Amino acid sequence: MFSMTRELVRILGIDQVRLRLEWISGAEGVRFAEVAREFTEQIKSIGPSGLRRAA
């Protein structure tokens, strides 16, 4: 399923760096926070996606 999502993202013209999948259990709250923080910083560092917002 992830490969299909990755292909859809490519077709839509979205940089694949903006897509990430992490398997984190509900008991790993600290790990979830770390991954969310890291991914947010990564996305902010690459800047806006360049996609236009639908009207």
PDB file of N, CA and C in Angstrom:
ATOM      1  N   MET A   1       0.810  -1.191   0.000  1.00  0.00           N
ATOM      2  CA  MET A   1       0.000   0.000   0.000  1.00  0.00           C
ATOM      3  C   MET A   1       0.862   1.269   0.000  1.00  0.00           C
ATOM      4  N   PHE A   2       1.965   1.241   0.753  1.00  0.00           N
ATOM      5  CA  PHE A   2       2.824   2.415   0.795  1.00  0.00           C
ATOM      6  C   PHE A   2       3.426   2.699  -0.580  1.00  0.00           C
ATOM      7  N   SER A   3       3.762   1.650  -1.321  1.00  0.00           N
ATOM      8  CA  SER A   3       4.331   1.872  -2.658  1.00  0.00           C
ATOM      9  C   SER A   3       3.306   2.536  -3.575  1.00  0.00           C
ATOM     10  N   MET A   4       2.036   2.196  -3.422  1.00  0.00           N
ATOM     11  CA  MET A   4       0.988   2.837  -4.226  1.00  0.00           C
ATOM     12  C   MET A   4       0.854   4.307  -3.837  1.00  0.00           C
ATOM     13  N   THR A   5       0.935   4.580  -2.565  1.00  0.00           N
ATOM     14  CA  THR A   5       0.859   5.972  -2.098  1.00  0.00           C
ATOM     15  C   THR A   5       2.046   6.767  -2.622  1.00  0.00           C
ATOM     16  N   ARG A   6       3.223   6.151  -2.565  1.00  0.00           N
ATOM     17  CA  ARG A   6       4.423   6.816  -3.081  1.00  0.00           C
ATOM     18  C   ARG A   6       4.275   7.127  -4.570  1.00  0.00           C
ATOM     19  N   GLU A   7       3.708   6.199  -5.327  1.00  0.00           N
ATOM     20  CA  GLU A   7       3.508   6.420  -6.754  1.00  0.00           C
ATOM     21  C   GLU A   7       2.491   7.538  -6.998  1.00  0.00           C
ATOM     22  N   LEU A   8       1.427   7.576  -6.217  1.00  0.00           N
ATOM     23  CA  LEU A   8       0.439   8.639  -6.348  1.00  0.00           C
ATOM     24  C   LEU A   8       1.057  10.001  -6.050  1.00  0.00           C
ATOM     25  N   VAL A   9       1.875  10.062  -5.026  1.00  0.00           N
ATOM     26  CA  VAL A   9       2.567  11.301  -4.676  1.00  0.00           C
ATOM     27  C   VAL A   9       3.452  11.746  -5.846  1.00  0.00           C
ATOM     28  N   ARG A  10       4.144  10.808  -6.464  1.00  0.00           N
ATOM     29  CA  ARG A  10       4.993  11.131  -7.614  1.00  0.00           C
ATOM     30  C   ARG A  10       4.149  11.660  -8.771  1.00  0.00           C
ATOM     31  N   ILE A  11       3.040  10.992  -9.065  1.00  0.00           N
ATOM     32  CA  ILE A  11       2.162  11.407 -10.161  1.00  0.00           C
ATOM     33  C   ILE A  11       1.615  12.816  -9.917  1.00  0.00           C
ATOM     34  N   LEU A  12       1.290  13.122  -8.670  1.00  0.00           N
ATOM     35  CA  LEU A  12       0.763  14.444  -8.330  1.00  0.00           C
ATOM     36  C   LEU A  12       1.828  15.535  -8.339  1.00  0.00           C
ATOM     37  N   GLY A  13       3.084  15.146  -8.469  1.00  0.00           N
ATOM     38  CA  GLY A  13       4.151  16.123  -8.525  1.00  0.00           C
ATOM     39  C   GLY A  13       4.641  16.586  -7.169  1.00  0.00           C
ATOM     40  N   ILE A  14       4.377  15.784  -6.151  1.00  0.00           N
ATOM     41  CA  ILE A  14       4.822  16.122  -4.804  1.00  0.00           C
ATOM     42  C   ILE A  14       6.159  15.433  -4.557  1.00  0.00           C
ATOM     43  N   ASP A  15       7.111  16.171  -4.018  1.00  0.00           N
ATOM     44  CA  ASP A  15       8.423  15.611  -3.703  1.00  0.00           C
ATOM     45  C   ASP A  15       8.256  14.469  -2.700  1.00  0.00           C
ATOM     46  N   GLN A  16       8.829  13.316  -2.997  1.00  0.00           N
ATOM     47  CA  GLN A  16       8.672  12.147  -2.134  1.00  0.00           C
ATOM     48  C   GLN A  16       9.320  12.313  -0.769  1.00  0.00           C
ATOM     49  N   VAL A  17      10.151  13.320  -0.606  1.00  0.00           N
ATOM     50  CA  VAL A  17      10.733  13.612   0.700  1.00  0.00           C
ATOM     51  C   VAL A  17       9.630  14.030   1.684  1.00  0.00           C
ATOM     52  N   ARG A  18       8.503  14.492   1.145  1.00  0.00           N
ATOM     53  CA  ARG A  18       7.387  14.942   1.975  1.00  0.00           C
ATOM     54  C   ARG A  18       6.498  13.796   2.450  1.00  0.00           C
ATOM     55  N   LEU A  19       6.875  12.577   2.125  1.00  0.00           N
ATOM     56  CA  LEU A  19       6.110  11.409   2.523  1.00  0.00           C
ATOM     57  C   LEU A  19       6.982  10.515   3.388  1.00  0.00           C
ATOM     58  N   ARG A  20       6.466  10.127   4.535  1.00  0.00           N
ATOM     59  CA  ARG A  20       7.244   9.286   5.444  1.00  0.00           C
ATOM     60  C   ARG A  20       6.310   8.326   6.163  1.00  0.00           C
ATOM     61  N   LEU A  21       6.749   7.100   6.330  1.00  0.00           N
ATOM     62  CA  LEU A  21       5.979   6.096   7.053  1.00  0.00           C
ATOM     63  C   LEU A  21       6.831   5.544   8.178  1.00  0.00           C
ATOM     64  N   GLU A  22       6.313   5.595   9.367  1.00  0.00           N
ATOM     65  CA  GLU A  22       6.995   5.064  10.552  1.00  0.00           C
ATOM     66  C   GLU A  22       6.022   4.163  11.289  1.00  0.00           C
ATOM     67  N   TRP A  23       6.466   2.984  11.672  1.00  0.00           N
ATOM     68  CA  TRP A  23       5.646   2.092  12.487  1.00  0.00           C
ATOM     69  C   TRP A  23       5.972   2.370  13.944  1.00  0.00           C
ATOM     70  N   ILE A  24       5.017   2.960  14.663  1.00  0.00           N
ATOM     71  CA  ILE A  24       5.209   3.328  16.062  1.00  0.00           C
ATOM     72  C   ILE A  24       3.994   2.836  16.836  1.00  0.00           C
ATOM     73  N   SER A  25       4.231   2.096  17.912  1.00  0.00           N
ATOM     74  CA  SER A  25       3.107   1.584  18.707  1.00  0.00           C
ATOM     75  C   SER A  25       2.557   2.683  19.611  1.00  0.00           C
ATOM     76  N   GLY A  26       1.365   2.456  20.118  1.00  0.00           N
ATOM     77  CA  GLY A  26       0.731   3.409  21.019  1.00  0.00           C
ATOM     78  C   GLY A  26       1.506   3.606  22.313  1.00  0.00           C
ATOM     79  N   ALA A  27       2.349   2.633  22.639  1.00  0.00           N
ATOM     80  CA  ALA A  27       3.150   2.714  23.863  1.00  0.00           C
ATOM     81  C   ALA A  27       4.429   3.524  23.670  1.00  0.00           C
ATOM     82  N   GLU A  28       4.678   3.974  22.455  1.00  0.00           N
ATOM     83  CA  GLU A  28       5.913   4.701  22.157  1.00  0.00           C
ATOM     84  C   GLU A  28       5.653   6.196  21.963  1.00  0.00           C
ATOM     85  N   GLY A  29       5.074   6.814  22.965  1.00  0.00           N
ATOM     86  CA  GLY A  29       4.751   8.239  22.873  1.00  0.00           C
ATOM     87  C   GLY A  29       5.965   9.118  22.660  1.00  0.00           C
ATOM     88  N   VAL A  30       7.055   8.804  23.352  1.00  0.00           N
ATOM     89  CA  VAL A  30       8.285   9.587  23.211  1.00  0.00           C
ATOM     90  C   VAL A  30       8.832   9.444  21.795  1.00  0.00           C
ATOM     91  N   ARG A  31       8.825   8.228  21.280  1.00  0.00           N
ATOM     92  CA  ARG A  31       9.318   7.986  19.911  1.00  0.00           C
ATOM     93  C   ARG A  31       8.445   8.738  18.900  1.00  0.00           C
ATOM     94  N   PHE A  32       7.124   8.707  19.100  1.00  0.00           N
ATOM     95  CA  PHE A  32       6.226   9.430  18.209  1.00  0.00           C
ATOM     96  C   PHE A  32       6.561  10.918  18.191  1.00  0.00           C
ATOM     97  N   ALA A  33       6.763  11.490  19.363  1.00  0.00           N
ATOM     98  CA  ALA A  33       7.091  12.911  19.460  1.00  0.00           C
ATOM     99  C   ALA A  33       8.399  13.219  18.747  1.00  0.00           C
ATOM    100  N   GLU A  34       9.393  12.347  18.901  1.00  0.00           N
ATOM    101  CA  GLU A  34      10.685  12.549  18.231  1.00  0.00           C
ATOM    102  C   GLU A  34      10.526  12.516  16.720  1.00  0.00           C
ATOM    103  N   VAL A  35       9.806  11.530  16.220  1.00  0.00           N
ATOM    104  CA  VAL A  35       9.610  11.393  14.772  1.00  0.00           C
ATOM    105  C   VAL A  35       8.830  12.587  14.234  1.00  0.00           C
ATOM    106  N   ALA A  36       7.775  12.991  14.930  1.00  0.00           N
ATOM    107  CA  ALA A  36       6.972  14.133  14.487  1.00  0.00           C
ATOM    108  C   ALA A  36       7.805  15.410  14.454  1.00  0.00           C
ATOM    109  N   ARG A  37       8.595  15.623  15.487  1.00  0.00           N
ATOM    110  CA  ARG A  37       9.454  16.820  15.546  1.00  0.00           C
ATOM    111  C   ARG A  37      10.482  16.802  14.407  1.00  0.00           C
ATOM    112  N   GLU A  38      11.133  15.666  14.233  1.00  0.00           N
ATOM    113  CA  GLU A  38      12.158  15.536  13.189  1.00  0.00           C
ATOM    114  C   GLU A  38      11.561  15.754  11.799  1.00  0.00           C
ATOM    115  N   PHE A  39      10.411  15.146  11.535  1.00  0.00           N
ATOM    116  CA  PHE A  39       9.790  15.275  10.219  1.00  0.00           C
ATOM    117  C   PHE A  39       9.322  16.708   9.975  1.00  0.00           C
ATOM    118  N   THR A  40       8.788  17.340  10.998  1.00  0.00           N
ATOM    119  CA  THR A  40       8.355  18.736  10.882  1.00  0.00           C
ATOM    120  C   THR A  40       9.541  19.634  10.537  1.00  0.00           C
ATOM    121  N   GLU A  41      10.654  19.437  11.210  1.00  0.00           N
ATOM    122  CA  GLU A  41      11.859  20.220  10.919  1.00  0.00           C
ATOM    123  C   GLU A  41      12.338  19.970   9.492  1.00  0.00           C
ATOM    124  N   GLN A  42      12.286  18.722   9.058  1.00  0.00           N
ATOM    125  CA  GLN A  42      12.710  18.381   7.696  1.00  0.00           C
ATOM    126  C   GLN A  42      11.841  19.084   6.663  1.00  0.00           C
ATOM    127  N   ILE A  43      10.539  19.048   6.857  1.00  0.00           N
ATOM    128  CA  ILE A  43       9.612  19.685   5.912  1.00  0.00           C
ATOM    129  C   ILE A  43       9.810  21.197   5.903  1.00  0.00           C
ATOM    130  N   LYS A  44       9.967  21.795   7.071  1.00  0.00           N
ATOM    131  CA  LYS A  44      10.203  23.242   7.138  1.00  0.00           C
ATOM    132  C   LYS A  44      11.488  23.631   6.422  1.00  0.00           C
ATOM    133  N   SER A  45      12.515  22.783   6.526  1.00  0.00           N
ATOM    134  CA  SER A  45      13.805  23.108   5.908  1.00  0.00           C
ATOM    135  C   SER A  45      13.751  23.063   4.382  1.00  0.00           C
ATOM    136  N   ILE A  46      12.865  22.238   3.812  1.00  0.00           N
ATOM    137  CA  ILE A  46      12.796  22.184   2.348  1.00  0.00           C
ATOM    138  C   ILE A  46      11.842  23.228   1.779  1.00  0.00           C
ATOM    139  N   GLY A  47      11.043  23.855   2.648  1.00  0.00           N
ATOM    140  CA  GLY A  47      10.200  24.963   2.215  1.00  0.00           C
ATOM    141  C   GLY A  47       8.871  24.538   1.625  1.00  0.00           C
ATOM    142  N   PRO A  48       8.151  25.507   1.069  1.00  0.00           N
ATOM    143  CA  PRO A  48       6.823  25.243   0.496  1.00  0.00           C
ATOM    144  C   PRO A  48       6.876  24.211  -0.627  1.00  0.00           C
ATOM    145  N   SER A  49       5.773  23.502  -0.806  1.00  0.00           N
ATOM    146  CA  SER A  49       5.738  22.421  -1.778  1.00  0.00           C
ATOM    147  C   SER A  49       5.657  22.900  -3.217  1.00  0.00           C
ATOM    148  N   GLY A  50       5.143  24.074  -3.433  1.00  0.00           N
ATOM    149  CA  GLY A  50       4.999  24.561  -4.799  1.00  0.00           C
ATOM    150  C   GLY A  50       3.653  24.205  -5.410  1.00  0.00           C
ATOM    151  N   LEU A  51       2.866  23.408  -4.708  1.00  0.00           N
ATOM    152  CA  LEU A  51       1.526  23.091  -5.199  1.00  0.00           C
ATOM    153  C   LEU A  51       0.608  24.256  -4.905  1.00  0.00           C
ATOM    154  N   ARG A  52      -0.278  24.503  -5.824  1.00  0.00           N
ATOM    155  CA  ARG A  52      -1.243  25.578  -5.606  1.00  0.00           C
ATOM    156  C   ARG A  52      -2.439  25.033  -4.845  1.00  0.00           C
ATOM    157  N   ARG A  53      -3.010  25.860  -4.039  1.00  0.00           N
ATOM    158  CA  ARG A  53      -4.188  25.493  -3.274  1.00  0.00           C
ATOM    159  C   ARG A  53      -5.405  25.520  -4.180  1.00  0.00           C
ATOM    160  N   ALA A  54      -6.243  24.488  -4.071  1.00  0.00           N
ATOM    161  CA  ALA A  54      -7.462  24.417  -4.902  1.00  0.00           C
ATOM    162  C   ALA A  54      -8.436  25.522  -4.501  1.00  0.00           C
ATOM    163  N   ALA A  55      -9.133  26.058  -5.479  1.00  0.00           N
ATOM    164  CA  ALA A  55     -10.086  27.152  -5.208  1.00  0.00           C
ATOM    165  C   ALA A  55     -11.341  26.640  -4.562  1.00  0.00           C
TER     166      ALA A  55
END
